[in-house]
Amino acid sequence: AHHSHRTAFDSNTGAAYEVLGGGGRRRAAGVDGRLYSELLRSICR
């Protein structure tokens, strides 16, 4: 969704945050700076 659709954009951004922060069997939940920066680079690219 376009960022001007605030409710939808915030919901989708929250889903992306959960996807990146999903913990596995050997990994604690949470988004680290490396994945965050990679996502921003991907958006710009």
Full PDB file with SEQRES, HELIX, SHEET, SSBOND, CRYST1, ORIGX, SCALE, CONECT and MASTER records, all heavy atoms in Angstrom:
SEQRES   1 A   45  ALA HIS HIS SER HIS ARG THR ALA PHE ASP SER ASN THR          
SEQRES   2 A   45  GLY ALA ALA TYR GLU VAL LEU GLY GLY GLY GLY ARG ARG          
SEQRES   3 A   45  ARG ALA ALA GLY VAL ASP GLY ARG LEU TYR SER GLU LEU          
SEQRES   4 A   45  LEU ARG SER ILE CYS ARG                                      
HELIX    1 AA1 ARG A    6  GLY A   21  1                                  16    
HELIX    2 AA2 GLY A   33  CYS A   44  1                                  12    
CRYST1    1.000    1.000    1.000  90.00  90.00  90.00 P 1           1          
ORIGX1      1.000000  0.000000  0.000000        0.00000                         
ORIGX2      0.000000  1.000000  0.000000        0.00000                         
ORIGX3      0.000000  0.000000  1.000000        0.00000                         
SCALE1      1.000000  0.000000  0.000000        0.00000                         
SCALE2      0.000000  1.000000  0.000000        0.00000                         
SCALE3      0.000000  0.000000  1.000000        0.00000                         
ATOM      1  N   ALA A   1       0.847  -1.201   0.000  1.00  0.00           N  
ATOM      2  CA  ALA A   1       0.000   0.000   0.000  1.00  0.00           C  
ATOM      3  C   ALA A   1       0.880   1.247   0.000  1.00  0.00           C  
ATOM      4  O   ALA A   1       1.966   1.259   0.587  1.00  0.00           O  
ATOM      5  CB  ALA A   1      -0.928   0.009   1.220  1.00  0.00           C  
ATOM      6  N   HIS A   2       0.404   2.300  -0.657  1.00  0.00           N  
ATOM      7  CA  HIS A   2       1.132   3.561  -0.677  1.00  0.00           C  
ATOM      8  C   HIS A   2       1.151   4.164   0.730  1.00  0.00           C  
ATOM      9  O   HIS A   2       0.215   3.999   1.518  1.00  0.00           O  
ATOM     10  CB  HIS A   2       0.450   4.530  -1.651  1.00  0.00           C  
ATOM     11  CG  HIS A   2       1.222   5.776  -1.912  1.00  0.00           C  
ATOM     12  ND1 HIS A   2       1.043   6.934  -1.186  1.00  0.00           N  
ATOM     13  CD2 HIS A   2       2.198   6.052  -2.825  1.00  0.00           C  
ATOM     14  CE1 HIS A   2       1.866   7.871  -1.630  1.00  0.00           C  
ATOM     15  NE2 HIS A   2       2.579   7.357  -2.627  1.00  0.00           N  
ATOM     16  N   HIS A   3       2.230   4.879   1.024  1.00  0.00           N  
ATOM     17  CA  HIS A   3       2.379   5.412   2.387  1.00  0.00           C  
ATOM     18  C   HIS A   3       1.320   6.445   2.750  1.00  0.00           C  
ATOM     19  O   HIS A   3       1.112   6.737   3.928  1.00  0.00           O  
ATOM     20  CB  HIS A   3       3.777   6.004   2.576  1.00  0.00           C  
ATOM     21  CG  HIS A   3       4.096   7.144   1.651  1.00  0.00           C  
ATOM     22  ND1 HIS A   3       3.636   8.414   1.857  1.00  0.00           N  
ATOM     23  CD2 HIS A   3       4.831   7.188   0.511  1.00  0.00           C  
ATOM     24  CE1 HIS A   3       4.086   9.201   0.895  1.00  0.00           C  
ATOM     25  NE2 HIS A   3       4.806   8.482   0.054  1.00  0.00           N  
ATOM     26  N   SER A   4       0.629   7.003   1.746  1.00  0.00           N  
ATOM     27  CA  SER A   4      -0.431   7.969   2.047  1.00  0.00           C  
ATOM     28  C   SER A   4      -1.655   7.281   2.656  1.00  0.00           C  
ATOM     29  O   SER A   4      -2.453   7.930   3.334  1.00  0.00           O  
ATOM     30  CB  SER A   4      -0.844   8.723   0.779  1.00  0.00           C  
ATOM     31  OG  SER A   4      -1.326   7.828  -0.212  1.00  0.00           O  
ATOM     32  N   HIS A   5      -1.809   5.970   2.436  1.00  0.00           N  
ATOM     33  CA  HIS A   5      -2.873   5.200   3.082  1.00  0.00           C  
ATOM     34  C   HIS A   5      -2.339   4.746   4.447  1.00  0.00           C  
ATOM     35  O   HIS A   5      -1.869   3.618   4.600  1.00  0.00           O  
ATOM     36  CB  HIS A   5      -3.268   4.002   2.225  1.00  0.00           C  
ATOM     37  CG  HIS A   5      -3.712   4.382   0.846  1.00  0.00           C  
ATOM     38  ND1 HIS A   5      -3.562   3.552  -0.243  1.00  0.00           N  
ATOM     39  CD2 HIS A   5      -4.297   5.509   0.366  1.00  0.00           C  
ATOM     40  CE1 HIS A   5      -4.033   4.146  -1.315  1.00  0.00           C  
ATOM     41  NE2 HIS A   5      -4.483   5.341  -0.974  1.00  0.00           N  
ATOM     42  N   ARG A   6      -2.413   5.612   5.412  1.00  0.00           N  
ATOM     43  CA  ARG A   6      -1.663   5.431   6.654  1.00  0.00           C  
ATOM     44  C   ARG A   6      -2.002   4.148   7.400  1.00  0.00           C  
ATOM     45  O   ARG A   6      -1.118   3.429   7.866  1.00  0.00           O  
ATOM     46  CB  ARG A   6      -1.869   6.651   7.557  1.00  0.00           C  
ATOM     47  CG  ARG A   6      -1.385   7.933   6.921  1.00  0.00           C  
ATOM     48  CD  ARG A   6      -1.349   9.079   7.886  1.00  0.00           C  
ATOM     49  NE  ARG A   6      -0.906  10.304   7.235  1.00  0.00           N  
ATOM     50  CZ  ARG A   6      -0.636  11.427   7.865  1.00  0.00           C  
ATOM     51  NH1 ARG A   6      -0.802  11.511   9.173  1.00  0.00           N  
ATOM     52  NH2 ARG A   6      -0.225  12.493   7.199  1.00  0.00           N  
ATOM     53  N   THR A   7      -3.304   3.867   7.541  1.00  0.00           N  
ATOM     54  CA  THR A   7      -3.696   2.679   8.296  1.00  0.00           C  
ATOM     55  C   THR A   7      -3.170   1.420   7.622  1.00  0.00           C  
ATOM     56  O   THR A   7      -2.590   0.546   8.278  1.00  0.00           O  
ATOM     57  CB  THR A   7      -5.223   2.603   8.417  1.00  0.00           C  
ATOM     58  OG1 THR A   7      -5.701   3.782   9.083  1.00  0.00           O  
ATOM     59  CG2 THR A   7      -5.644   1.376   9.217  1.00  0.00           C  
ATOM     60  N   ALA A   8      -3.361   1.321   6.314  1.00  0.00           N  
ATOM     61  CA  ALA A   8      -2.886   0.148   5.575  1.00  0.00           C  
ATOM     62  C   ALA A   8      -1.363   0.071   5.603  1.00  0.00           C  
ATOM     63  O   ALA A   8      -0.783  -1.008   5.798  1.00  0.00           O  
ATOM     64  CB  ALA A   8      -3.398   0.197   4.140  1.00  0.00           C  
ATOM     65  N   PHE A   9      -0.698   1.199   5.402  1.00  0.00           N  
ATOM     66  CA  PHE A   9       0.767   1.206   5.390  1.00  0.00           C  
ATOM     67  C   PHE A   9       1.317   0.781   6.746  1.00  0.00           C  
ATOM     68  O   PHE A   9       2.256  -0.025   6.827  1.00  0.00           O  
ATOM     69  CB  PHE A   9       1.282   2.598   5.021  1.00  0.00           C  
ATOM     70  CG  PHE A   9       2.779   2.695   4.948  1.00  0.00           C  
ATOM     71  CD1 PHE A   9       3.459   2.271   3.817  1.00  0.00           C  
ATOM     72  CD2 PHE A   9       3.514   3.195   6.015  1.00  0.00           C  
ATOM     73  CE1 PHE A   9       4.843   2.348   3.749  1.00  0.00           C  
ATOM     74  CE2 PHE A   9       4.896   3.274   5.956  1.00  0.00           C  
ATOM     75  CZ  PHE A   9       5.570   2.852   4.820  1.00  0.00           C  
ATOM     76  N   ASP A  10       0.733   1.296   7.825  1.00  0.00           N  
ATOM     77  CA  ASP A  10       1.203   0.928   9.160  1.00  0.00           C  
ATOM     78  C   ASP A  10       0.975  -0.556   9.434  1.00  0.00           C  
ATOM     79  O   ASP A  10       1.811  -1.231  10.046  1.00  0.00           O  
ATOM     80  CB  ASP A  10       0.493   1.770  10.218  1.00  0.00           C  
ATOM     81  CG  ASP A  10       0.958   3.215  10.215  1.00  0.00           C  
ATOM     82  OD1 ASP A  10       1.964   3.515   9.535  1.00  0.00           O  
ATOM     83  OD2 ASP A  10       0.313   4.051  10.878  1.00  0.00           O  
ATOM     84  N   SER A  11      -0.175  -1.069   8.975  1.00  0.00           N  
ATOM     85  CA  SER A  11      -0.462  -2.495   9.161  1.00  0.00           C  
ATOM     86  C   SER A  11       0.539  -3.352   8.409  1.00  0.00           C  
ATOM     87  O   SER A  11       1.075  -4.337   8.943  1.00  0.00           O  
ATOM     88  CB  SER A  11      -1.888  -2.791   8.691  1.00  0.00           C  
ATOM     89  OG  SER A  11      -2.146  -4.181   8.719  1.00  0.00           O  
ATOM     90  N   ASN A  12       0.834  -2.991   7.173  1.00  0.00           N  
ATOM     91  CA  ASN A  12       1.780  -3.757   6.364  1.00  0.00           C  
ATOM     92  C   ASN A  12       3.199  -3.651   6.909  1.00  0.00           C  
ATOM     93  O   ASN A  12       3.964  -4.623   6.886  1.00  0.00           O  
ATOM     94  CB  ASN A  12       1.745  -3.274   4.916  1.00  0.00           C  
ATOM     95  CG  ASN A  12       0.414  -3.550   4.247  1.00  0.00           C  
ATOM     96  OD1 ASN A  12      -0.310  -4.461   4.634  1.00  0.00           O  
ATOM     97  ND2 ASN A  12       0.071  -2.750   3.248  1.00  0.00           N  
ATOM     98  N   THR A  13       3.556  -2.470   7.417  1.00  0.00           N  
ATOM     99  CA  THR A  13       4.877  -2.303   8.012  1.00  0.00           C  
ATOM    100  C   THR A  13       4.999  -3.147   9.274  1.00  0.00           C  
ATOM    101  O   THR A  13       6.053  -3.731   9.544  1.00  0.00           O  
ATOM    102  CB  THR A  13       5.133  -0.815   8.337  1.00  0.00           C  
ATOM    103  OG1 THR A  13       4.983  -0.042   7.137  1.00  0.00           O  
ATOM    104  CG2 THR A  13       6.532  -0.607   8.871  1.00  0.00           C  
ATOM    105  N   GLY A  14       3.903  -3.224  10.041  1.00  0.00           N  
ATOM    106  CA  GLY A  14       3.904  -4.091  11.219  1.00  0.00           C  
ATOM    107  C   GLY A  14       4.074  -5.553  10.849  1.00  0.00           C  
ATOM    108  O   GLY A  14       4.798  -6.301  11.528  1.00  0.00           O  
ATOM    109  N   ALA A  15       3.439  -5.973   9.743  1.00  0.00           N  
ATOM    110  CA  ALA A  15       3.592  -7.356   9.280  1.00  0.00           C  
ATOM    111  C   ALA A  15       5.032  -7.615   8.859  1.00  0.00           C  
ATOM    112  O   ALA A  15       5.595  -8.688   9.138  1.00  0.00           O  
ATOM    113  CB  ALA A  15       2.641  -7.623   8.118  1.00  0.00           C  
ATOM    114  N   ALA A  16       5.647  -6.652   8.182  1.00  0.00           N  
ATOM    115  CA  ALA A  16       7.047  -6.795   7.767  1.00  0.00           C  
ATOM    116  C   ALA A  16       7.963  -6.891   8.989  1.00  0.00           C  
ATOM    117  O   ALA A  16       8.922  -7.675   9.007  1.00  0.00           O  
ATOM    118  CB  ALA A  16       7.460  -5.615   6.887  1.00  0.00           C  
ATOM    119  N   TYR A  17       7.671  -6.106  10.006  1.00  0.00           N  
ATOM    120  CA  TYR A  17       8.466  -6.124  11.246  1.00  0.00           C  
ATOM    121  C   TYR A  17       8.389  -7.504  11.900  1.00  0.00           C  
ATOM    122  O   TYR A  17       9.395  -8.040  12.378  1.00  0.00           O  
ATOM    123  CB  TYR A  17       7.943  -5.050  12.182  1.00  0.00           C  
ATOM    124  CG  TYR A  17       8.761  -4.842  13.435  1.00  0.00           C  
ATOM    125  CD1 TYR A  17       9.930  -4.080  13.403  1.00  0.00           C  
ATOM    126  CD2 TYR A  17       8.365  -5.384  14.652  1.00  0.00           C  
ATOM    127  CE1 TYR A  17      10.677  -3.864  14.547  1.00  0.00           C  
ATOM    128  CE2 TYR A  17       9.096  -5.179  15.806  1.00  0.00           C  
ATOM    129  CZ  TYR A  17      10.257  -4.424  15.749  1.00  0.00           C  
ATOM    130  OH  TYR A  17      10.993  -4.223  16.890  1.00  0.00           O  
ATOM    131  N   GLU A  18       7.189  -8.084  11.914  1.00  0.00           N  
ATOM    132  CA  GLU A  18       7.010  -9.415  12.506  1.00  0.00           C  
ATOM    133  C   GLU A  18       7.734 -10.479  11.688  1.00  0.00           C  
ATOM    134  O   GLU A  18       8.321 -11.411  12.249  1.00  0.00           O  
ATOM    135  CB  GLU A  18       5.522  -9.747  12.594  1.00  0.00           C  
ATOM    136  CG  GLU A  18       4.770  -8.912  13.619  1.00  0.00           C  
ATOM    137  CD  GLU A  18       3.293  -9.258  13.667  1.00  0.00           C  
ATOM    138  OE1 GLU A  18       2.902 -10.219  12.964  1.00  0.00           O  
ATOM    139  OE2 GLU A  18       2.542  -8.589  14.393  1.00  0.00           O  
ATOM    140  N   VAL A  19       7.687 -10.353  10.365  1.00  0.00           N  
ATOM    141  CA  VAL A  19       8.365 -11.320   9.499  1.00  0.00           C  
ATOM    142  C   VAL A  19       9.867 -11.292   9.756  1.00  0.00           C  
ATOM    143  O   VAL A  19      10.512 -12.343   9.909  1.00  0.00           O  
ATOM    144  CB  VAL A  19       8.074 -11.016   8.016  1.00  0.00           C  
ATOM    145  CG1 VAL A  19       9.037 -11.774   7.102  1.00  0.00           C  
ATOM    146  CG2 VAL A  19       6.645 -11.384   7.669  1.00  0.00           C  
ATOM    147  N   LEU A  20      10.454 -10.105   9.816  1.00  0.00           N  
ATOM    148  CA  LEU A  20      11.898 -10.003  10.021  1.00  0.00           C  
ATOM    149  C   LEU A  20      12.294 -10.389  11.446  1.00  0.00           C  
ATOM    150  O   LEU A  20      13.394 -10.889  11.667  1.00  0.00           O  
ATOM    151  CB  LEU A  20      12.375  -8.573   9.747  1.00  0.00           C  
ATOM    152  CG  LEU A  20      12.395  -8.125   8.287  1.00  0.00           C  
ATOM    153  CD1 LEU A  20      12.924  -6.706   8.178  1.00  0.00           C  
ATOM    154  CD2 LEU A  20      13.233  -9.054   7.439  1.00  0.00           C  
ATOM    155  N   GLY A  21      11.407 -10.164  12.398  1.00  0.00           N  
ATOM    156  CA  GLY A  21      11.741 -10.420  13.794  1.00  0.00           C  
ATOM    157  C   GLY A  21      11.325 -11.773  14.303  1.00  0.00           C  
ATOM    158  O   GLY A  21      11.530 -12.080  15.473  1.00  0.00           O  
ATOM    159  N   GLY A  22      10.728 -12.620  13.435  1.00  0.00           N  
ATOM    160  CA  GLY A  22      10.259 -13.930  13.896  1.00  0.00           C  
ATOM    161  C   GLY A  22      11.407 -14.786  14.387  1.00  0.00           C  
ATOM    162  O   GLY A  22      12.366 -15.036  13.659  1.00  0.00           O  
ATOM    163  N   GLY A  23      11.330 -15.231  15.609  1.00  0.00           N  
ATOM    164  CA  GLY A  23      12.387 -16.066  16.181  1.00  0.00           C  
ATOM    165  C   GLY A  23      12.246 -17.519  15.785  1.00  0.00           C  
ATOM    166  O   GLY A  23      11.154 -18.052  15.671  1.00  0.00           O  
ATOM    167  N   GLY A  24      13.338 -18.164  15.569  1.00  0.00           N  
ATOM    168  CA  GLY A  24      13.354 -19.599  15.285  1.00  0.00           C  
ATOM    169  C   GLY A  24      13.737 -20.373  16.524  1.00  0.00           C  
ATOM    170  O   GLY A  24      13.748 -19.851  17.643  1.00  0.00           O  
ATOM    171  N   ARG A  25      14.099 -21.636  16.331  1.00  0.00           N  
ATOM    172  CA  ARG A  25      14.440 -22.477  17.482  1.00  0.00           C  
ATOM    173  C   ARG A  25      15.733 -22.039  18.139  1.00  0.00           C  
ATOM    174  O   ARG A  25      15.957 -22.272  19.313  1.00  0.00           O  
ATOM    175  CB  ARG A  25      14.573 -23.929  17.010  1.00  0.00           C  
ATOM    176  CG  ARG A  25      13.255 -24.503  16.492  1.00  0.00           C  
ATOM    177  CD  ARG A  25      13.464 -25.846  15.835  1.00  0.00           C  
ATOM    178  NE  ARG A  25      12.241 -26.321  15.191  1.00  0.00           N  
ATOM    179  CZ  ARG A  25      12.186 -27.360  14.375  1.00  0.00           C  
ATOM    180  NH1 ARG A  25      13.289 -28.050  14.097  1.00  0.00           N  
ATOM    181  NH2 ARG A  25      11.040 -27.724  13.823  1.00  0.00           N  
ATOM    182  N   ARG A  26      16.607 -21.418  17.369  1.00  0.00           N  
ATOM    183  CA  ARG A  26      17.915 -21.013  17.917  1.00  0.00           C  
ATOM    184  C   ARG A  26      18.090 -19.493  17.886  1.00  0.00           C  
ATOM    185  O   ARG A  26      19.183 -18.996  18.007  1.00  0.00           O  
ATOM    186  CB  ARG A  26      19.041 -21.656  17.098  1.00  0.00           C  
ATOM    187  CG  ARG A  26      18.961 -23.160  17.013  1.00  0.00           C  
ATOM    188  CD  ARG A  26      20.112 -23.720  16.178  1.00  0.00           C  
ATOM    189  NE  ARG A  26      19.992 -25.149  15.993  1.00  0.00           N  
ATOM    190  CZ  ARG A  26      19.286 -25.719  15.042  1.00  0.00           C  
ATOM    191  NH1 ARG A  26      18.632 -24.961  14.175  1.00  0.00           N  
ATOM    192  NH2 ARG A  26      19.219 -27.027  14.934  1.00  0.00           N  
ATOM    193  N   ARG A  27      17.012 -18.783  17.716  1.00  0.00           N  
ATOM    194  CA  ARG A  27      17.128 -17.328  17.535  1.00  0.00           C  
ATOM    195  C   ARG A  27      16.023 -16.605  18.293  1.00  0.00           C  
ATOM    196  O   ARG A  27      14.861 -16.966  18.203  1.00  0.00           O  
ATOM    197  CB  ARG A  27      17.018 -16.987  16.038  1.00  0.00           C  
ATOM    198  CG  ARG A  27      17.184 -15.516  15.722  1.00  0.00           C  
ATOM    199  CD  ARG A  27      17.144 -15.327  14.210  1.00  0.00           C  
ATOM    200  NE  ARG A  27      17.308 -13.942  13.852  1.00  0.00           N  
ATOM    201  CZ  ARG A  27      16.308 -13.050  13.803  1.00  0.00           C  
ATOM    202  NH1 ARG A  27      15.080 -13.424  14.091  1.00  0.00           N  
ATOM    203  NH2 ARG A  27      16.542 -11.802  13.467  1.00  0.00           N  
ATOM    204  N   ALA A  28      16.421 -15.591  19.053  1.00  0.00           N  
ATOM    205  CA  ALA A  28      15.435 -14.798  19.791  1.00  0.00           C  
ATOM    206  C   ALA A  28      14.702 -13.881  18.831  1.00  0.00           C  
ATOM    207  O   ALA A  28      15.239 -13.453  17.823  1.00  0.00           O  
ATOM    208  CB  ALA A  28      16.140 -13.981  20.870  1.00  0.00           C  
ATOM    209  N   ALA A  29      13.442 -13.615  19.177  1.00  0.00           N  
ATOM    210  CA  ALA A  29      12.638 -12.735  18.322  1.00  0.00           C  
ATOM    211  C   ALA A  29      13.152 -11.305  18.408  1.00  0.00           C  
ATOM    212  O   ALA A  29      13.684 -10.878  19.424  1.00  0.00           O  
ATOM    213  CB  ALA A  29      11.180 -12.807  18.742  1.00  0.00           C  
ATOM    214  N   GLY A  30      12.970 -10.557  17.317  1.00  0.00           N  
ATOM    215  CA  GLY A  30      13.380  -9.160  17.294  1.00  0.00           C  
ATOM    216  C   GLY A  30      14.099  -8.831  16.009  1.00  0.00           C  
ATOM    217  O   GLY A  30      14.766  -9.686  15.420  1.00  0.00           O  
ATOM    218  N   VAL A  31      13.949  -7.570  15.553  1.00  0.00           N  
ATOM    219  CA  VAL A  31      14.617  -7.123  14.330  1.00  0.00           C  
ATOM    220  C   VAL A  31      15.937  -6.466  14.711  1.00  0.00           C  
ATOM    221  O   VAL A  31      15.962  -5.535  15.520  1.00  0.00           O  
ATOM    222  CB  VAL A  31      13.737  -6.130  13.554  1.00  0.00           C  
ATOM    223  CG1 VAL A  31      14.468  -5.626  12.308  1.00  0.00           C  
ATOM    224  CG2 VAL A  31      12.413  -6.786  13.158  1.00  0.00           C  
ATOM    225  N   ASP A  32      17.021  -6.940  14.128  1.00  0.00           N  
ATOM    226  CA  ASP A  32      18.320  -6.324  14.421  1.00  0.00           C  
ATOM    227  C   ASP A  32      18.651  -5.289  13.347  1.00  0.00           C  
ATOM    228  O   ASP A  32      18.010  -5.210  12.298  1.00  0.00           O  
ATOM    229  CB  ASP A  32      19.426  -7.372  14.553  1.00  0.00           C  
ATOM    230  CG  ASP A  32      19.603  -8.229  13.304  1.00  0.00           C  
ATOM    231  OD1 ASP A  32      19.447  -7.694  12.185  1.00  0.00           O  
ATOM    232  OD2 ASP A  32      19.906  -9.426  13.432  1.00  0.00           O  
ATOM    233  N   GLY A  33      19.670  -4.498  13.638  1.00  0.00           N  
ATOM    234  CA  GLY A  33      20.044  -3.414  12.747  1.00  0.00           C  
ATOM    235  C   GLY A  33      20.490  -3.884  11.380  1.00  0.00           C  
ATOM    236  O   GLY A  33      20.301  -3.179  10.378  1.00  0.00           O  
ATOM    237  N   ARG A  34      21.055  -5.081  11.294  1.00  0.00           N  
ATOM    238  CA  ARG A  34      21.525  -5.585   9.999  1.00  0.00           C  
ATOM    239  C   ARG A  34      20.353  -5.852   9.058  1.00  0.00           C  
ATOM    240  O   ARG A  34      20.360  -5.411   7.902  1.00  0.00           O  
ATOM    241  CB  ARG A  34      22.335  -6.867  10.202  1.00  0.00           C  
ATOM    242  CG  ARG A  34      22.910  -7.438   8.924  1.00  0.00           C  
ATOM    243  CD  ARG A  34      23.709  -8.703   9.215  1.00  0.00           C  
ATOM    244  NE  ARG A  34      22.868  -9.735   9.802  1.00  0.00           N  
ATOM    245  CZ  ARG A  34      22.086 -10.558   9.098  1.00  0.00           C  
ATOM    246  NH1 ARG A  34      22.031 -10.438   7.777  1.00  0.00           N  
ATOM    247  NH2 ARG A  34      21.370 -11.481   9.695  1.00  0.00           N  
ATOM    248  N   LEU A  35      19.324  -6.553   9.547  1.00  0.00           N  
ATOM    249  CA  LEU A  35      18.161  -6.840   8.703  1.00  0.00           C  
ATOM    250  C   LEU A  35      17.399  -5.558   8.363  1.00  0.00           C  
ATOM    251  O   LEU A  35      16.898  -5.398   7.248  1.00  0.00           O  
ATOM    252  CB  LEU A  35      17.232  -7.829   9.407  1.00  0.00           C  
ATOM    253  CG  LEU A  35      17.686  -9.289   9.426  1.00  0.00           C  
ATOM    254  CD1 LEU A  35      16.727 -10.136  10.251  1.00  0.00           C  
ATOM    255  CD2 LEU A  35      17.807  -9.840   8.022  1.00  0.00           C  
ATOM    256  N   TYR A  36      17.313  -4.660   9.330  1.00  0.00           N  
ATOM    257  CA  TYR A  36      16.648  -3.368   9.107  1.00  0.00           C  
ATOM    258  C   TYR A  36      17.329  -2.601   7.979  1.00  0.00           C  
ATOM    259  O   TYR A  36      16.683  -2.110   7.042  1.00  0.00           O  
ATOM    260  CB  TYR A  36      16.676  -2.588  10.422  1.00  0.00           C  
ATOM    261  CG  TYR A  36      16.416  -1.111  10.332  1.00  0.00           C  
ATOM    262  CD1 TYR A  36      15.143  -0.618  10.057  1.00  0.00           C  
ATOM    263  CD2 TYR A  36      17.439  -0.196  10.571  1.00  0.00           C  
ATOM    264  CE1 TYR A  36      14.897   0.746  10.015  1.00  0.00           C  
ATOM    265  CE2 TYR A  36      17.206   1.162  10.533  1.00  0.00           C  
ATOM    266  CZ  TYR A  36      15.934   1.632  10.253  1.00  0.00           C  
ATOM    267  OH  TYR A  36      15.708   2.990  10.209  1.00  0.00           O  
ATOM    268  N   SER A  37      18.667  -2.520   8.033  1.00  0.00           N  
ATOM    269  CA  SER A  37      19.414  -1.800   6.999  1.00  0.00           C  
ATOM    270  C   SER A  37      19.293  -2.484   5.649  1.00  0.00           C  
ATOM    271  O   SER A  37      19.196  -1.818   4.604  1.00  0.00           O  
ATOM    272  CB  SER A  37      20.890  -1.684   7.400  1.00  0.00           C  
ATOM    273  OG  SER A  37      21.028  -0.927   8.597  1.00  0.00           O  
ATOM    274  N   GLU A  38      19.293  -3.816   5.641  1.00  0.00           N  
ATOM    275  CA  GLU A  38      19.144  -4.553   4.377  1.00  0.00           C  
ATOM    276  C   GLU A  38      17.792  -4.262   3.745  1.00  0.00           C  
ATOM    277  O   GLU A  38      17.682  -4.110   2.517  1.00  0.00           O  
ATOM    278  CB  GLU A  38      19.295  -6.056   4.624  1.00  0.00           C  
ATOM    279  CG  GLU A  38      20.731  -6.523   4.790  1.00  0.00           C  
ATOM    280  CD  GLU A  38      21.534  -6.374   3.510  1.00  0.00           C  
ATOM    281  OE1 GLU A  38      20.944  -6.396   2.411  1.00  0.00           O  
ATOM    282  OE2 GLU A  38      22.763  -6.212   3.610  1.00  0.00           O  
ATOM    283  N   LEU A  39      16.743  -4.183   4.560  1.00  0.00           N  
ATOM    284  CA  LEU A  39      15.415  -3.886   4.023  1.00  0.00           C  
ATOM    285  C   LEU A  39      15.382  -2.488   3.418  1.00  0.00           C  
ATOM    286  O   LEU A  39      14.840  -2.288   2.312  1.00  0.00           O  
ATOM    287  CB  LEU A  39      14.360  -4.005   5.120  1.00  0.00           C  
ATOM    288  CG  LEU A  39      12.929  -3.656   4.683  1.00  0.00           C  
ATOM    289  CD1 LEU A  39      12.437  -4.617   3.613  1.00  0.00           C  
ATOM    290  CD2 LEU A  39      11.985  -3.655   5.880  1.00  0.00           C  
ATOM    291  N   LEU A  40      15.967  -1.514   4.096  1.00  0.00           N  
ATOM    292  CA  LEU A  40      15.982  -0.146   3.571  1.00  0.00           C  
ATOM    293  C   LEU A  40      16.757  -0.069   2.254  1.00  0.00           C  
ATOM    294  O   LEU A  40      16.335   0.606   1.317  1.00  0.00           O  
ATOM    295  CB  LEU A  40      16.592   0.813   4.601  1.00  0.00           C  
ATOM    296  CG  LEU A  40      15.883   0.917   5.955  1.00  0.00           C  
ATOM    297  CD1 LEU A  40      16.479   2.069   6.753  1.00  0.00           C  
ATOM    298  CD2 LEU A  40      14.390   1.095   5.798  1.00  0.00           C  
ATOM    299  N   ARG A  41      17.878  -0.768   2.187  1.00  0.00           N  
ATOM    300  CA  ARG A  41      18.647  -0.789   0.929  1.00  0.00           C  
ATOM    301  C   ARG A  41      17.830  -1.422  -0.190  1.00  0.00           C  
ATOM    302  O   ARG A  41      17.873  -0.958  -1.343  1.00  0.00           O  
ATOM    303  CB  ARG A  41      19.966  -1.544   1.135  1.00  0.00           C  
ATOM    304  CG  ARG A  41      21.092  -0.705   1.708  1.00  0.00           C  
ATOM    305  CD  ARG A  41      22.421  -1.431   1.614  1.00  0.00           C  
ATOM    306  NE  ARG A  41      22.510  -2.487   2.603  1.00  0.00           N  
ATOM    307  CZ  ARG A  41      22.994  -2.330   3.836  1.00  0.00           C  
ATOM    308  NH1 ARG A  41      23.416  -1.139   4.223  1.00  0.00           N  
ATOM    309  NH2 ARG A  41      23.067  -3.340   4.673  1.00  0.00           N  
ATOM    310  N   SER A  42      17.086  -2.470   0.137  1.00  0.00           N  
ATOM    311  CA  SER A  42      16.263  -3.137  -0.877  1.00  0.00           C  
ATOM    312  C   SER A  42      15.161  -2.219  -1.383  1.00  0.00           C  
ATOM    313  O   SER A  42      14.865  -2.194  -2.583  1.00  0.00           O  
ATOM    314  CB  SER A  42      15.654  -4.421  -0.299  1.00  0.00           C  
ATOM    315  OG  SER A  42      16.656  -5.361   0.039  1.00  0.00           O  
ATOM    316  N   ILE A  43      14.545  -1.464  -0.485  1.00  0.00           N  
ATOM    317  CA  ILE A  43      13.487  -0.526  -0.886  1.00  0.00           C  
ATOM    318  C   ILE A  43      14.051   0.500  -1.865  1.00  0.00           C  
ATOM    319  O   ILE A  43      13.466   0.766  -2.922  1.00  0.00           O  
ATOM    320  CB  ILE A  43      12.890   0.172   0.341  1.00  0.00           C  
ATOM    321  CG1 ILE A  43      12.115  -0.820   1.201  1.00  0.00           C  
ATOM    322  CG2 ILE A  43      11.967   1.323  -0.082  1.00  0.00           C  
ATOM    323  CD1 ILE A  43      11.660  -0.252   2.540  1.00  0.00           C  
ATOM    324  N   CYS A  44      15.193   1.075  -1.526  1.00  0.00           N  
ATOM    325  CA  CYS A  44      15.800   2.101  -2.386  1.00  0.00           C  
ATOM    326  C   CYS A  44      16.255   1.506  -3.709  1.00  0.00           C  
ATOM    327  O   CYS A  44      16.102   2.129  -4.773  1.00  0.00           O  
ATOM    328  CB  CYS A  44      16.979   2.749  -1.670  1.00  0.00           C  
ATOM    329  SG  CYS A  44      16.522   3.762  -0.235  1.00  0.00           S  
ATOM    330  N   ARG A  45      16.800   0.291  -3.663  1.00  0.00           N  
ATOM    331  CA  ARG A  45      17.298  -0.336  -4.887  1.00  0.00           C  
ATOM    332  C   ARG A  45      16.154  -0.704  -5.822  1.00  0.00           C  
ATOM    333  O   ARG A  45      16.217  -0.440  -7.021  1.00  0.00           O  
ATOM    334  CB  ARG A  45      18.115  -1.583  -4.533  1.00  0.00           C  
ATOM    335  CG  ARG A  45      18.764  -2.261  -5.725  1.00  0.00           C  
ATOM    336  CD  ARG A  45      19.788  -3.299  -5.281  1.00  0.00           C  
ATOM    337  NE  ARG A  45      19.202  -4.330  -4.426  1.00  0.00           N  
ATOM    338  CZ  ARG A  45      19.459  -4.443  -3.126  1.00  0.00           C  
ATOM    339  NH1 ARG A  45      20.273  -3.582  -2.518  1.00  0.00           N  
ATOM    340  NH2 ARG A  45      18.904  -5.393  -2.410  1.00  0.00           N  
TER     341      ARG A  45                                                      
MASTER        0    0    0    2    0    0    0    6  340    1    0    4          
END                                                                             
